[in-house]
C-alpha atoms as a PDB file:
ATOM      1  CA  MET A   1       8.695  10.142 -40.494  1.00  0.00           C
ATOM      2  CA  VAL A   2      11.569   9.286 -38.163  1.00  0.00           C
ATOM      3  CA  GLY A   3      10.639  10.034 -34.583  1.00  0.00           C
ATOM      4  CA  ASP A   4      12.706  11.331 -31.748  1.00  0.00           C
ATOM      5  CA  PHE A   5      13.199   7.909 -30.411  1.00  0.00           C
ATOM      6  CA  GLY A   6      15.314   6.978 -33.543  1.00  0.00           C
ATOM      7  CA  TYR A   7      13.031   4.609 -35.316  1.00  0.00           C
ATOM      8  CA  ALA A   8      10.449   4.913 -37.893  1.00  0.00           C
ATOM      9  CA  ALA A   9       7.198   5.939 -36.313  1.00  0.00           C
ATOM     10  CA  GLN A  10       4.659   8.739 -36.542  1.00  0.00           C
ATOM     11  CA  ALA A  11       3.615   8.613 -32.843  1.00  0.00           C
ATOM     12  CA  VAL A  12       4.766   6.948 -29.714  1.00  0.00           C
ATOM     13  CA  ILE A  13       2.633   6.585 -26.594  1.00  0.00           C
ATOM     14  CA  ILE A  14       4.440   5.950 -23.368  1.00  0.00           C
ATOM     15  CA  THR A  15       2.680   3.893 -20.890  1.00  0.00           C
ATOM     16  CA  SER A  16       5.323   2.267 -18.851  1.00  0.00           C
ATOM     17  CA  GLY A  17       4.217   3.083 -15.285  1.00  0.00           C
ATOM     18  CA  GLY A  18       6.322   4.723 -12.520  1.00  0.00           C
ATOM     19  CA  ILE A  19       9.481   3.948 -10.603  1.00  0.00           C
ATOM     20  CA  GLY A  20       8.338   1.599  -7.818  1.00  0.00           C
ATOM     21  CA  GLY A  21      10.366  -1.437  -9.223  1.00  0.00           C
ATOM     22  CA  ASP A  22      13.651   0.373  -8.608  1.00  0.00           C
ATOM     23  CA  HIS A  23      14.030   1.110  -4.929  1.00  0.00           C
ATOM     24  CA  ASP A  24      17.219   3.218  -5.608  1.00  0.00           C
ATOM     25  CA  LEU A  25      15.068   5.481  -7.763  1.00  0.00           C
ATOM     26  CA  VAL A  26      12.338   5.592  -5.131  1.00  0.00           C
ATOM     27  CA  ARG A  27      14.838   6.522  -2.460  1.00  0.00           C
ATOM     28  CA  ARG A  28      16.523   9.128  -4.672  1.00  0.00           C
ATOM     29  CA  ALA A  29      13.146  10.740  -5.362  1.00  0.00           C
ATOM     30  CA  TRP A  30      11.902  10.377  -1.724  1.00  0.00           C
ATOM     31  CA  PRO A  31      10.396  13.690  -0.416  1.00  0.00           C
ATOM     32  CA  ALA A  32      11.758  15.312   2.673  1.00  0.00           C
ATOM     33  CA  ARG A  33       8.074  15.780   3.873  1.00  0.00           C
ATOM     34  CA  LEU A  34       7.894  12.025   4.415  1.00  0.00           C
ATOM     35  CA  GLY A  35      11.109  11.811   6.405  1.00  0.00           C
ATOM     36  CA  THR A  36      14.085   9.757   5.393  1.00  0.00           C
ATOM     37  CA  PRO A  37      13.667   6.874   2.778  1.00  0.00           C
ATOM     38  CA  PRO A  38      13.604   3.225   4.068  1.00  0.00           C
ATOM     39  CA  GLU A  39      16.530   1.146   3.596  1.00  0.00           C
ATOM     40  CA  ARG A  40      14.344  -1.804   3.226  1.00  0.00           C
ATOM     41  CA  MET A  41      11.149  -1.950   1.265  1.00  0.00           C
ATOM     42  CA  VAL A  42       9.015  -4.543  -0.616  1.00  0.00           C
ATOM     43  CA  THR A  43       8.007  -4.063  -4.219  1.00  0.00           C
ATOM     44  CA  GLY A  44       4.334  -3.606  -4.991  1.00  0.00           C
ATOM     45  CA  VAL A  45       4.687  -3.388  -8.672  1.00  0.00           C
ATOM     46  CA  PRO A  46       6.169  -5.667 -11.452  1.00  0.00           C
ATOM     47  CA  ALA A  47       9.975  -5.491 -11.863  1.00  0.00           C
ATOM     48  CA  TYR A  48       9.614  -3.735 -15.378  1.00  0.00           C
ATOM     49  CA  VAL A  49       8.019  -0.732 -13.634  1.00  0.00           C
ATOM     50  CA  ASP A  50      11.570   0.581 -13.118  1.00  0.00           C
ATOM     51  CA  GLY A  51      11.495   4.315 -14.437  1.00  0.00           C
ATOM     52  CA  ARG A  52      13.579   3.408 -17.647  1.00  0.00           C
ATOM     53  CA  MET A  53      11.162   5.009 -20.050  1.00  0.00           C
ATOM     54  CA  LEU A  54      11.192   8.043 -17.914  1.00  0.00           C
ATOM     55  CA  ALA A  55      14.986   8.262 -18.371  1.00  0.00           C
ATOM     56  CA  ILE A  56      14.815   7.547 -21.972  1.00  0.00           C
ATOM     57  CA  THR A  57      12.178  10.199 -22.564  1.00  0.00           C
ATOM     58  CA  GLU A  58      13.995  12.794 -20.609  1.00  0.00           C
ATOM     59  CA  ALA A  59      17.282  11.921 -22.588  1.00  0.00           C
ATOM     60  CA  ALA A  60      15.185  12.482 -25.780  1.00  0.00           C
ATOM     61  CA  GLY A  61      14.329  15.940 -24.482  1.00  0.00           C
ATOM     62  CA  GLY A  62      11.281  15.401 -22.503  1.00  0.00           C
ATOM     63  CA  ARG A  63      10.689  16.915 -19.036  1.00  0.00           C
ATOM     64  CA  VAL A  64      10.076  14.984 -15.837  1.00  0.00           C
ATOM     65  CA  ILE A  65       8.332  17.073 -13.184  1.00  0.00           C
ATOM     66  CA  ASN A  66       7.208  16.582  -9.538  1.00  0.00           C
ATOM     67  CA  PRO A  67       9.368  13.351  -9.082  1.00  0.00           C
ATOM     68  CA  ASP A  68       8.985  13.616  -5.326  1.00  0.00           C
ATOM     69  CA  ARG A  69       5.188  13.038  -5.539  1.00  0.00           C
ATOM     70  CA  MET A  70       4.542   9.376  -4.597  1.00  0.00           C
ATOM     71  CA  TRP A  71       2.294   7.096  -2.870  1.00  0.00           C
ATOM     72  CA  HIS A  72       3.586   3.996  -0.973  1.00  0.00           C
ATOM     73  CA  TYR A  73       1.835   1.765   1.609  1.00  0.00           C
ATOM     74  CA  THR A  74       2.816   0.903   5.086  1.00  0.00           C
ATOM     75  CA  GLU A  75       0.997  -2.402   5.276  1.00  0.00           C
ATOM     76  CA  GLY A  76       3.308  -4.413   2.988  1.00  0.00           C
ATOM     77  CA  LEU A  77       4.070  -8.249   3.340  1.00  0.00           C
ATOM     78  CA  ARG A  78       6.706 -10.216   1.771  1.00  0.00           C
ATOM     79  CA  ASN A  79       4.930 -12.463  -0.727  1.00  0.00           C
ATOM     80  CA  TRP A  80       5.636 -16.223   0.191  1.00  0.00           C
ATOM     81  CA  ASP A  81       4.853 -17.194  -3.437  1.00  0.00           C
ATOM     82  CA  PRO A  82       6.396 -14.210  -5.312  1.00  0.00           C
ATOM     83  CA  VAL A  83       5.833 -13.345  -9.004  1.00  0.00           C
ATOM     84  CA  TRP A  84       8.768 -10.864  -9.190  1.00  0.00           C
ATOM     85  CA  PRO A  85      11.761 -10.224  -7.097  1.00  0.00           C
ATOM     86  CA  GLY A  86      10.971  -8.691  -3.805  1.00  0.00           C
ATOM     87  CA  HIS A  87       7.299  -9.185  -4.506  1.00  0.00           C
ATOM     88  CA  GLY A  88       5.211  -7.472  -1.811  1.00  0.00           C
ATOM     89  CA  ILE A  89       1.420  -7.762  -1.148  1.00  0.00           C
ATOM     90  CA  ARG A  90      -0.545  -5.078   0.720  1.00  0.00           C
ATOM     91  CA  ILE A  91      -2.940  -5.792   3.553  1.00  0.00           C
ATOM     92  CA  LEU A  92      -6.310  -4.078   3.013  1.00  0.00           C
ATOM     93  CA  PRO A  93      -7.058  -3.855   6.709  1.00  0.00           C
ATOM     94  CA  GLY A  94     -10.162  -3.208   8.676  1.00  0.00           C
ATOM     95  CA  PRO A  95     -10.166  -0.943  11.748  1.00  0.00           C
ATOM     96  CA  SER A  96      -9.582  -3.361  14.659  1.00  0.00           C
ATOM     97  CA  SER A  97      -5.866  -4.313  14.702  1.00  0.00           C
ATOM     98  CA  LEU A  98      -3.648  -2.651  17.247  1.00  0.00           C
ATOM     99  CA  TRP A  99      -0.885  -0.925  15.302  1.00  0.00           C
ATOM    100  CA  LEU A 100       2.427  -0.673  16.895  1.00  0.00           C
ATOM    101  CA  ASP A 101       5.764   0.927  15.853  1.00  0.00           C
ATOM    102  CA  ALA A 102       8.815  -1.050  15.794  1.00  0.00           C
ATOM    103  CA  THR A 103       9.541  -0.191  19.477  1.00  0.00           C
ATOM    104  CA  GLY A 104       6.093  -1.342  20.565  1.00  0.00           C
ATOM    105  CA  GLN A 105       4.385   2.085  20.855  1.00  0.00           C
ATOM    106  CA  ARG A 106       0.816   2.512  19.705  1.00  0.00           C
ATOM    107  CA  LEU A 107       0.444   4.641  16.760  1.00  0.00           C
ATOM    108  CA  PRO A 108      -1.560   7.856  17.760  1.00  0.00           C
ATOM    109  CA  ALA A 109      -5.014   8.772  16.573  1.00  0.00           C
ATOM    110  CA  PRO A 110      -6.121   8.855  13.860  1.00  0.00           C
ATOM    111  CA  LEU A 111      -3.467   6.595  12.448  1.00  0.00           C
ATOM    112  CA  PHE A 112      -5.498   3.517  12.584  1.00  0.00           C
ATOM    113  CA  PRO A 113      -5.449   0.604  10.120  1.00  0.00           C
ATOM    114  CA  GLY A 114      -7.239   1.577   6.855  1.00  0.00           C
ATOM    115  CA  PHE A 115      -7.281   5.318   7.732  1.00  0.00           C
ATOM    116  CA  ASP A 116      -4.742   7.959   6.430  1.00  0.00           C
ATOM    117  CA  THR A 117      -1.849   6.153   4.460  1.00  0.00           C
ATOM    118  CA  LEU A 118       0.473   9.031   3.952  1.00  0.00           C
ATOM    119  CA  ALA A 119       0.165  10.404   7.384  1.00  0.00           C
ATOM    120  CA  THR A 120       0.912   6.978   8.766  1.00  0.00           C
ATOM    121  CA  LEU A 121       3.921   6.607   6.540  1.00  0.00           C
ATOM    122  CA  ARG A 122       5.212  10.026   7.624  1.00  0.00           C
ATOM    123  CA  HIS A 123       4.798   9.167  11.290  1.00  0.00           C
ATOM    124  CA  LEU A 124       6.517   5.764  10.919  1.00  0.00           C
ATOM    125  CA  ARG A 125       9.467   7.218   9.055  1.00  0.00           C
ATOM    126  CA  ALA A 126      10.118   9.583  12.064  1.00  0.00           C
ATOM    127  CA  THR A 127      10.488   6.322  14.259  1.00  0.00           C
ATOM    128  CA  GLY A 128      13.835   5.482  12.640  1.00  0.00           C
ATOM    129  CA  HIS A 129      12.776   1.973  11.682  1.00  0.00           C
ATOM    130  CA  ASP A 130      11.567   0.453   8.492  1.00  0.00           C
ATOM    131  CA  TYR A 131       8.671  -1.667   9.779  1.00  0.00           C
ATOM    132  CA  SER A 132       5.762  -1.615  12.187  1.00  0.00           C
ATOM    133  CA  TRP A 133       3.361  -4.320  13.628  1.00  0.00           C
ATOM    134  CA  PHE A 134      -0.150  -5.331  13.536  1.00  0.00           C
ATOM    135  CA  LEU A 135      -1.304  -7.153  16.617  1.00  0.00           C
ATOM    136  CA  LEU A 136      -4.700  -8.864  16.342  1.00  0.00           C
ATOM    137  CA  THR A 137      -6.607 -12.140  16.837  1.00  0.00           C
ATOM    138  CA  GLN A 138      -7.686 -14.915  14.526  1.00  0.00           C
ATOM    139  CA  LYS A 139     -11.179 -13.437  14.792  1.00  0.00           C
ATOM    140  CA  ILE A 140      -9.891 -10.128  13.455  1.00  0.00           C
ATOM    141  CA  LEU A 141      -7.921 -11.848  10.720  1.00  0.00           C
ATOM    142  CA  GLU A 142     -10.980 -13.790   9.508  1.00  0.00           C
ATOM    143  CA  LYS A 143     -13.248 -10.655   9.213  1.00  0.00           C
ATOM    144  CA  GLU A 144     -10.937  -7.846   8.419  1.00  0.00           C
ATOM    145  CA  PHE A 145      -7.936  -8.991   6.462  1.00  0.00           C
ATOM    146  CA  ALA A 146      -7.990  -8.793   2.607  1.00  0.00           C
ATOM    147  CA  LEU A 147      -5.044  -8.711   0.342  1.00  0.00           C
ATOM    148  CA  SER A 148      -4.276  -6.648  -2.667  1.00  0.00           C
ATOM    149  CA  GLY A 149      -3.743  -8.310  -6.133  1.00  0.00           C
ATOM    150  CA  SER A 150      -6.162 -10.162  -8.503  1.00  0.00           C
ATOM    151  CA  GLU A 151      -4.408 -13.561  -7.556  1.00  0.00           C
ATOM    152  CA  GLN A 152      -5.337 -12.882  -3.816  1.00  0.00           C
ATOM    153  CA  ASN A 153      -9.081 -12.442  -4.638  1.00  0.00           C
ATOM    154  CA  PRO A 154     -10.169 -15.463  -6.673  1.00  0.00           C
ATOM    155  CA  ASP A 155     -13.770 -14.799  -5.868  1.00  0.00           C
ATOM    156  CA  LEU A 156     -13.709 -11.210  -7.436  1.00  0.00           C
ATOM    157  CA  THR A 157     -11.339 -12.267 -10.243  1.00  0.00           C
ATOM    158  CA  ASN A 158     -13.745 -15.187 -11.205  1.00  0.00           C
ATOM    159  CA  ARG A 159     -16.846 -12.829 -10.884  1.00  0.00           C
ATOM    160  CA  SER A 160     -18.451 -15.368  -8.698  1.00  0.00           C
ATOM    161  CA  VAL A 161     -21.184 -14.304  -6.528  1.00  0.00           C
ATOM    162  CA  ARG A 162     -21.325 -17.666  -4.716  1.00  0.00           C
ATOM    163  CA  GLN A 163     -17.539 -17.246  -3.742  1.00  0.00           C
ATOM    164  CA  VAL A 164     -18.075 -13.690  -2.665  1.00  0.00           C
ATOM    165  CA  LEU A 165     -20.840 -14.753  -0.406  1.00  0.00           C
ATOM    166  CA  GLN A 166     -18.319 -17.103   1.296  1.00  0.00           C
ATOM    167  CA  ARG A 167     -16.836 -14.150   2.878  1.00  0.00           C
ATOM    168  CA  VAL A 168     -19.865 -13.876   5.297  1.00  0.00           C
ATOM    169  CA  ARG A 169     -19.078 -17.253   6.690  1.00  0.00           C
ATOM    170  CA  PRO A 170     -16.636 -18.006   9.490  1.00  0.00           C
ATOM    171  CA  GLY A 171     -13.105 -18.630   8.662  1.00  0.00           C
ATOM    172  CA  ALA A 172     -10.352 -16.696   6.838  1.00  0.00           C
ATOM    173  CA  PRO A 173     -10.261 -16.434   3.013  1.00  0.00           C
ATOM    174  CA  GLY A 174      -8.065 -19.093   1.645  1.00  0.00           C
ATOM    175  CA  PRO A 175      -5.246 -16.618   0.452  1.00  0.00           C
ATOM    176  CA  VAL A 176      -5.191 -14.860   3.901  1.00  0.00           C
ATOM    177  CA  GLU A 177      -4.942 -18.244   5.656  1.00  0.00           C
ATOM    178  CA  ALA A 178      -2.130 -19.305   3.268  1.00  0.00           C
ATOM    179  CA  PHE A 179      -0.212 -16.079   4.195  1.00  0.00           C
ATOM    180  CA  LYS A 180      -0.617 -16.791   7.917  1.00  0.00           C
ATOM    181  CA  ARG A 181       0.712 -20.290   7.430  1.00  0.00           C
ATOM    182  CA  HIS A 182       3.578 -19.589   4.988  1.00  0.00           C
ATOM    183  CA  GLY A 183       4.207 -15.957   5.295  1.00  0.00           C
ATOM    184  CA  ALA A 184       7.661 -14.858   6.741  1.00  0.00           C
ATOM    185  CA  ASP A 185       5.978 -11.895   8.439  1.00  0.00           C
ATOM    186  CA  PHE A 186       3.483 -13.739  10.537  1.00  0.00           C
ATOM    187  CA  VAL A 187       3.767 -14.773  14.195  1.00  0.00           C
ATOM    188  CA  VAL A 188       1.204 -16.941  15.733  1.00  0.00           C
ATOM    189  CA  ALA A 189       0.875 -17.913  19.457  1.00  0.00           C
ATOM    190  CA  ASP A 190      -1.670 -18.740  22.048  1.00  0.00           C
ATOM    191  CA  ARG A 191      -0.210 -16.544  24.692  1.00  0.00           C
ATOM    192  CA  LEU A 192       1.189 -13.079  24.559  1.00  0.00           C
ATOM    193  CA  PRO A 193       4.724 -13.941  25.996  1.00  0.00           C
ATOM    194  CA  GLU A 194       5.178 -16.480  23.216  1.00  0.00           C
ATOM    195  CA  LEU A 195       3.905 -13.900  20.585  1.00  0.00           C
ATOM    196  CA  VAL A 196       6.429 -11.333  21.824  1.00  0.00           C
ATOM    197  CA  ASP A 197       9.244 -13.896  21.647  1.00  0.00           C
ATOM    198  CA  GLY A 198       8.444 -14.673  17.991  1.00  0.00           C
ATOM    199  CA  MET A 199       8.181 -10.859  17.221  1.00  0.00           C
ATOM    200  CA  ASN A 200      11.537 -10.349  18.774  1.00  0.00           C
ATOM    201  CA  LYS A 201      13.055 -13.132  16.636  1.00  0.00           C
ATOM    202  CA  LEU A 202      11.707 -11.429  13.455  1.00  0.00           C
ATOM    203  CA  ALA A 203      12.850  -8.042  14.652  1.00  0.00           C
ATOM    204  CA  ALA A 204      16.406  -9.440  15.290  1.00  0.00           C
ATOM    205  CA  GLY A 205      16.716 -10.578  11.713  1.00  0.00           C
ATOM    206  CA  THR A 206      16.726  -6.946  10.511  1.00  0.00           C
ATOM    207  CA  GLY A 207      18.485  -5.448  13.493  1.00  0.00           C
ATOM    208  CA  GLY A 208      15.281  -4.036  14.988  1.00  0.00           C
ATOM    209  CA  PRO A 209      14.514  -3.235  18.624  1.00  0.00           C
ATOM    210  CA  GLN A 210      13.448  -5.979  21.105  1.00  0.00           C
ATOM    211  CA  LEU A 211      10.000  -5.544  22.525  1.00  0.00           C
ATOM    212  CA  ASP A 212       9.220  -5.560  26.204  1.00  0.00           C
ATOM    213  CA  ALA A 213       6.630  -8.187  26.988  1.00  0.00           C
ATOM    214  CA  VAL A 214       5.566  -6.678  30.250  1.00  0.00           C
ATOM    215  CA  ALA A 215       5.012  -3.138  28.618  1.00  0.00           C
ATOM    216  CA  LEU A 216       3.266  -4.618  25.572  1.00  0.00           C
ATOM    217  CA  ARG A 217       0.867  -6.500  28.022  1.00  0.00           C
ATOM    218  CA  ARG A 218       0.011  -3.285  29.835  1.00  0.00           C
ATOM    219  CA  LEU A 219      -0.677  -1.551  26.484  1.00  0.00           C
ATOM    220  CA  VAL A 220      -2.987  -4.494  25.237  1.00  0.00           C
ATOM    221  CA  GLU A 221      -4.835  -4.632  28.531  1.00  0.00           C
ATOM    222  CA  ALA A 222      -5.516  -0.882  28.552  1.00  0.00           C
ATOM    223  CA  ARG A 223      -6.983  -1.110  25.120  1.00  0.00           C
ATOM    224  CA  ASP A 224      -9.025  -4.206  26.079  1.00  0.00           C
ATOM    225  CA  ARG A 225     -10.438  -2.315  29.149  1.00  0.00           C
ATOM    226  CA  GLU A 226     -11.873   0.359  26.898  1.00  0.00           C
ATOM    227  CA  LEU A 227     -14.026  -2.252  25.249  1.00  0.00           C
ATOM    228  CA  ALA A 228     -15.980  -2.842  28.499  1.00  0.00           C
ATOM    229  CA  ASN A 229     -16.774   1.007  28.878  1.00  0.00           C
ATOM    230  CA  PRO A 230     -19.624   2.250  26.615  1.00  0.00           C
ATOM    231  CA  PHE A 231     -18.467   5.652  27.487  1.00  0.00           C
ATOM    232  CA  GLY A 232     -14.787   5.109  26.908  1.00  0.00           C
ATOM    233  CA  LYS A 233     -12.897   7.861  24.897  1.00  0.00           C
ATOM    234  CA  ASP A 234     -10.404   5.515  22.993  1.00  0.00           C
ATOM    235  CA  ALA A 235     -10.739   6.837  19.439  1.00  0.00           C
ATOM    236  CA  GLN A 236      -9.974   3.508  17.688  1.00  0.00           C
ATOM    237  CA  VAL A 237     -12.653   1.707  19.770  1.00  0.00           C
ATOM    238  CA  GLN A 238     -15.090   4.480  18.751  1.00  0.00           C
ATOM    239  CA  ALA A 239     -13.977   4.059  15.127  1.00  0.00           C
ATOM    240  CA  ILE A 240     -14.731   0.373  15.312  1.00  0.00           C
ATOM    241  CA  ARG A 241     -18.092   0.837  16.738  1.00  0.00           C
ATOM    242  CA  GLY A 242     -18.793   3.594  14.110  1.00  0.00           C
ATOM    243  CA  ALA A 243     -17.777   1.418  11.317  1.00  0.00           C
ATOM    244  CA  ARG A 244     -20.181  -1.447  12.505  1.00  0.00           C
ATOM    245  CA  ARG A 245     -23.207   0.883  12.350  1.00  0.00           C
ATOM    246  CA  TYR A 246     -23.017   0.309   8.482  1.00  0.00           C
ATOM    247  CA  ARG A 247     -24.710  -3.124   7.720  1.00  0.00           C
ATOM    248  CA  GLY A 248     -22.145  -4.022   4.983  1.00  0.00           C
ATOM    249  CA  ASP A 249     -19.087  -3.447   7.211  1.00  0.00           C
ATOM    250  CA  ARG A 250     -20.830  -5.338   9.996  1.00  0.00           C
ATOM    251  CA  LEU A 251     -21.450  -8.425   8.001  1.00  0.00           C
ATOM    252  CA  ILE A 252     -18.208  -8.807   6.030  1.00  0.00           C
ATOM    253  CA  ARG A 253     -15.625  -6.159   7.175  1.00  0.00           C
ATOM    254  CA  VAL A 254     -15.484  -5.314  10.729  1.00  0.00           C
ATOM    255  CA  ALA A 255     -15.021  -7.875  13.411  1.00  0.00           C
ATOM    256  CA  THR A 256     -17.292  -7.915  16.554  1.00  0.00           C
ATOM    257  CA  PRO A 257     -15.420  -5.769  19.203  1.00  0.00           C
ATOM    258  CA  HIS A 258     -13.654  -8.083  21.610  1.00  0.00           C
ATOM    259  CA  ARG A 259     -10.611  -8.294  23.904  1.00  0.00           C
ATOM    260  CA  LEU A 260      -7.332  -9.175  22.215  1.00  0.00           C
ATOM    261  CA  LEU A 261      -6.512 -11.379  25.138  1.00  0.00           C
ATOM    262  CA  ASP A 262      -9.795 -13.343  25.047  1.00  0.00           C
ATOM    263  CA  PRO A 263      -8.748 -16.877  24.435  1.00  0.00           C
ATOM    264  CA  ALA A 264     -12.091 -17.622  22.506  1.00  0.00           C
ATOM    265  CA  ALA A 265     -10.953 -15.100  19.832  1.00  0.00           C
ATOM    266  CA  GLY A 266      -7.339 -16.522  19.389  1.00  0.00           C
ATOM    267  CA  PRO A 267      -4.849 -17.396  18.595  1.00  0.00           C
ATOM    268  CA  LEU A 268      -3.025 -14.092  18.869  1.00  0.00           C
ATOM    269  CA  ILE A 269      -1.300 -12.984  15.668  1.00  0.00           C
ATOM    270  CA  ALA A 270       1.414 -10.352  15.078  1.00  0.00           C
ATOM    271  CA  VAL A 271       2.283  -9.239  11.451  1.00  0.00           C
ATOM    272  CA  GLN A 272       5.388  -7.491  10.634  1.00  0.00           C
ATOM    273  CA  LEU A 273       4.558  -4.648   8.120  1.00  0.00           C
ATOM    274  CA  HIS A 274       7.073  -3.129   5.568  1.00  0.00           C
ATOM    275  CA  VAL A 275       6.802  -0.109   3.361  1.00  0.00           C
ATOM    276  CA  LEU A 276       5.434  -1.289  -0.048  1.00  0.00           C
ATOM    277  CA  THR A 277       6.425   0.620  -3.056  1.00  0.00           C
ATOM    278  CA  ARG A 278       3.544   1.389  -5.410  1.00  0.00           C
ATOM    279  CA  LYS A 279       2.563   4.632  -7.230  1.00  0.00           C
ATOM    280  CA  THR A 280       4.406   7.534  -8.849  1.00  0.00           C
ATOM    281  CA  LEU A 281       2.253  10.683  -8.736  1.00  0.00           C
ATOM    282  CA  GLY A 282       4.711  12.748 -10.715  1.00  0.00           C
ATOM    283  CA  GLY A 283       6.030  11.978 -14.204  1.00  0.00           C
ATOM    284  CA  LEU A 284       6.382  13.318 -17.756  1.00  0.00           C
ATOM    285  CA  HIS A 285       4.990  16.729 -18.268  1.00  0.00           C
ATOM    286  CA  THR A 286       2.194  16.828 -20.795  1.00  0.00           C
ATOM    287  CA  ASP A 287      -0.286  19.127 -22.206  1.00  0.00           C
ATOM    288  CA  LEU A 288      -3.924  18.523 -22.330  1.00  0.00           C
ATOM    289  CA  SER A 289      -3.639  16.350 -25.423  1.00  0.00           C
ATOM    290  CA  GLY A 290      -1.091  14.006 -23.684  1.00  0.00           C
ATOM    291  CA  ARG A 291       1.749  15.371 -25.703  1.00  0.00           C
ATOM    292  CA  VAL A 292       5.171  15.275 -23.728  1.00  0.00           C
ATOM    293  CA  LEU A 293       6.512  18.585 -23.292  1.00  0.00           C
ATOM    294  CA  GLY A 294      10.292  19.526 -23.242  1.00  0.00           C
ATOM    295  CA  ALA A 295      12.147  21.844 -20.906  1.00  0.00           C
ATOM    296  CA  ASP A 296      11.074  24.832 -23.144  1.00  0.00           C
ATOM    297  CA  GLY A 297       7.411  23.989 -22.765  1.00  0.00           C
ATOM    298  CA  GLU A 298       7.095  22.994 -26.370  1.00  0.00           C
ATOM    299  CA  PRO A 299       5.763  19.434 -27.360  1.00  0.00           C
ATOM    300  CA  LEU A 300       8.377  16.766 -28.124  1.00  0.00           C
ATOM    301  CA  GLY A 301       7.338  15.823 -31.632  1.00  0.00           C
ATOM    302  CA  GLY A 302       5.130  12.714 -31.952  1.00  0.00           C
ATOM    303  CA  VAL A 303       5.615  11.584 -28.373  1.00  0.00           C
ATOM    304  CA  TYR A 304       2.743  11.136 -25.969  1.00  0.00           C
ATOM    305  CA  ALA A 305       2.383   9.735 -22.495  1.00  0.00           C
ATOM    306  CA  ALA A 306      -0.461   8.298 -20.403  1.00  0.00           C
ATOM    307  CA  GLY A 307      -1.192   6.685 -17.031  1.00  0.00           C
ATOM    308  CA  GLU A 308       1.342   6.645 -14.125  1.00  0.00           C
ATOM    309  CA  VAL A 309       4.335   7.525 -16.180  1.00  0.00           C
ATOM    310  CA  ALA A 310       2.586  10.936 -16.875  1.00  0.00           C
ATOM    311  CA  GLY A 311       1.596  11.482 -13.392  1.00  0.00           C
ATOM    312  CA  PHE A 312      -1.801   9.887 -14.275  1.00  0.00           C
ATOM    313  CA  GLY A 313      -2.161  12.724 -16.748  1.00  0.00           C
ATOM    314  CA  GLY A 314       0.226  15.782 -16.830  1.00  0.00           C
ATOM    315  CA  GLY A 315       2.994  15.095 -14.133  1.00  0.00           C
ATOM    316  CA  GLY A 316       1.284  15.410 -10.964  1.00  0.00           C
ATOM    317  CA  MET A 317      -2.464  16.042 -11.346  1.00  0.00           C
ATOM    318  CA  HIS A 318      -3.173  14.323  -7.991  1.00  0.00           C
ATOM    319  CA  GLY A 319      -0.986  16.762  -6.017  1.00  0.00           C
ATOM    320  CA  TYR A 320       0.801  15.520  -2.853  1.00  0.00           C
ATOM    321  CA  ASN A 321      -1.994  13.608  -1.340  1.00  0.00           C
ATOM    322  CA  ALA A 322      -3.986  11.700  -3.819  1.00  0.00           C
ATOM    323  CA  LEU A 323      -7.397  10.344  -2.964  1.00  0.00           C
ATOM    324  CA  GLU A 324      -7.315   6.507  -2.658  1.00  0.00           C
ATOM    325  CA  GLY A 325      -9.250   4.855  -5.364  1.00  0.00           C
ATOM    326  CA  THR A 326      -8.967   7.582  -8.036  1.00  0.00           C
ATOM    327  CA  PHE A 327      -5.760   6.208  -9.814  1.00  0.00           C
ATOM    328  CA  LEU A 328      -7.371   3.974 -12.326  1.00  0.00           C
ATOM    329  CA  GLY A 329      -9.547   6.825 -13.599  1.00  0.00           C
ATOM    330  CA  GLY A 330      -6.583   8.975 -14.365  1.00  0.00           C
ATOM    331  CA  CYS A 331      -4.988   6.056 -16.377  1.00  0.00           C
ATOM    332  CA  LEU A 332      -8.187   5.624 -18.411  1.00  0.00           C
ATOM    333  CA  PHE A 333      -8.711   9.113 -19.015  1.00  0.00           C
ATOM    334  CA  SER A 334      -5.219  10.085 -20.072  1.00  0.00           C
ATOM    335  CA  GLY A 335      -4.980   6.953 -22.193  1.00  0.00           C
ATOM    336  CA  ARG A 336      -8.000   7.879 -24.117  1.00  0.00           C
ATOM    337  CA  THR A 337      -6.867  11.460 -24.479  1.00  0.00           C
ATOM    338  CA  ALA A 338      -3.308  10.415 -25.745  1.00  0.00           C
ATOM    339  CA  GLY A 339      -4.701   7.854 -27.976  1.00  0.00           C
ATOM    340  CA  ARG A 340      -7.192  10.140 -29.638  1.00  0.00           C
ATOM    341  CA  ALA A 341      -4.549  12.926 -30.022  1.00  0.00           C
ATOM    342  CA  ALA A 342      -2.058  10.420 -31.530  1.00  0.00           C
ATOM    343  CA  ALA A 343      -4.570   9.045 -33.887  1.00  0.00           C
ATOM    344  CA  ALA A 344      -5.394  12.656 -35.062  1.00  0.00           C
ATOM    345  CA  ASP A 345      -1.598  13.367 -35.329  1.00  0.00           C
ATOM    346  CA  ILE A 346      -1.081  10.531 -37.874  1.00  0.00           C
ATOM    347  CA  ALA A 347      -4.264  10.816 -39.699  1.00  0.00           C
END
């Protein structure tokens, strides 16, 4: 039989991913609830995840629904060794870095590193700037920084228990240290004034605001004072102490609380963070068998969709605020469903 895509086929299963590789499409679909779309972003998906199959299927009669449902990260880095154009890597942070907006204001509770991604994105978009800052120490970097991507985690990729156990030892993981040395978004200095100078040079490159070193010192010192008070009410310090009550986090994930201005914990590090495009939560409208539906609600003959292109199964099954860590399951489940239905269709 000749399928709707114009070539001999009995079933077509579309598994092309979302739109994160095309920033213009991301901006076009950007939801008003997250503020204005960024002018500058880094790309957290391969270049071929560009939404073309969504457009092709729509032109063939399929229906795209919930295009404004998307999930992007706020802790993106420019990859110093890129695999695709604009390649971005996400920091998977522990809770201790001081998070500042582009003007040097501390993000409010509970917008701490590793907490609520979409709420943080919404807040940062309201600042009018496309980037933010982590301010931390070498001690925090060594314990709390991990990077997304299989190539950034050779111990896990190689399934090496011995390599994984190296994370308990002092020192930053090799890929993290390489980003600190070579990454365009890292500033390293022994003293806060020199660190602020480096941050301002990075900001000037994108037309961002210049930071006030005196105001930033007051903010850092106020945070450091809270560590000396066991009854302090700083919500982030409480979150750090709470995380360390779990032995696993205490061993390999959360640094021992310390003053940012403690020379023994240095050097000081600032990281300029960018919005990283990643996941499309809407997509092709499908039925429970993975068949792509048209505008009239009827199946598009012989066309199925699975994974992110189908909103991880149906065009928005996750809603507006997906639970982090659940995306792979939707890909596997919808892939199995579409595959079985397609096989039955051509049997």
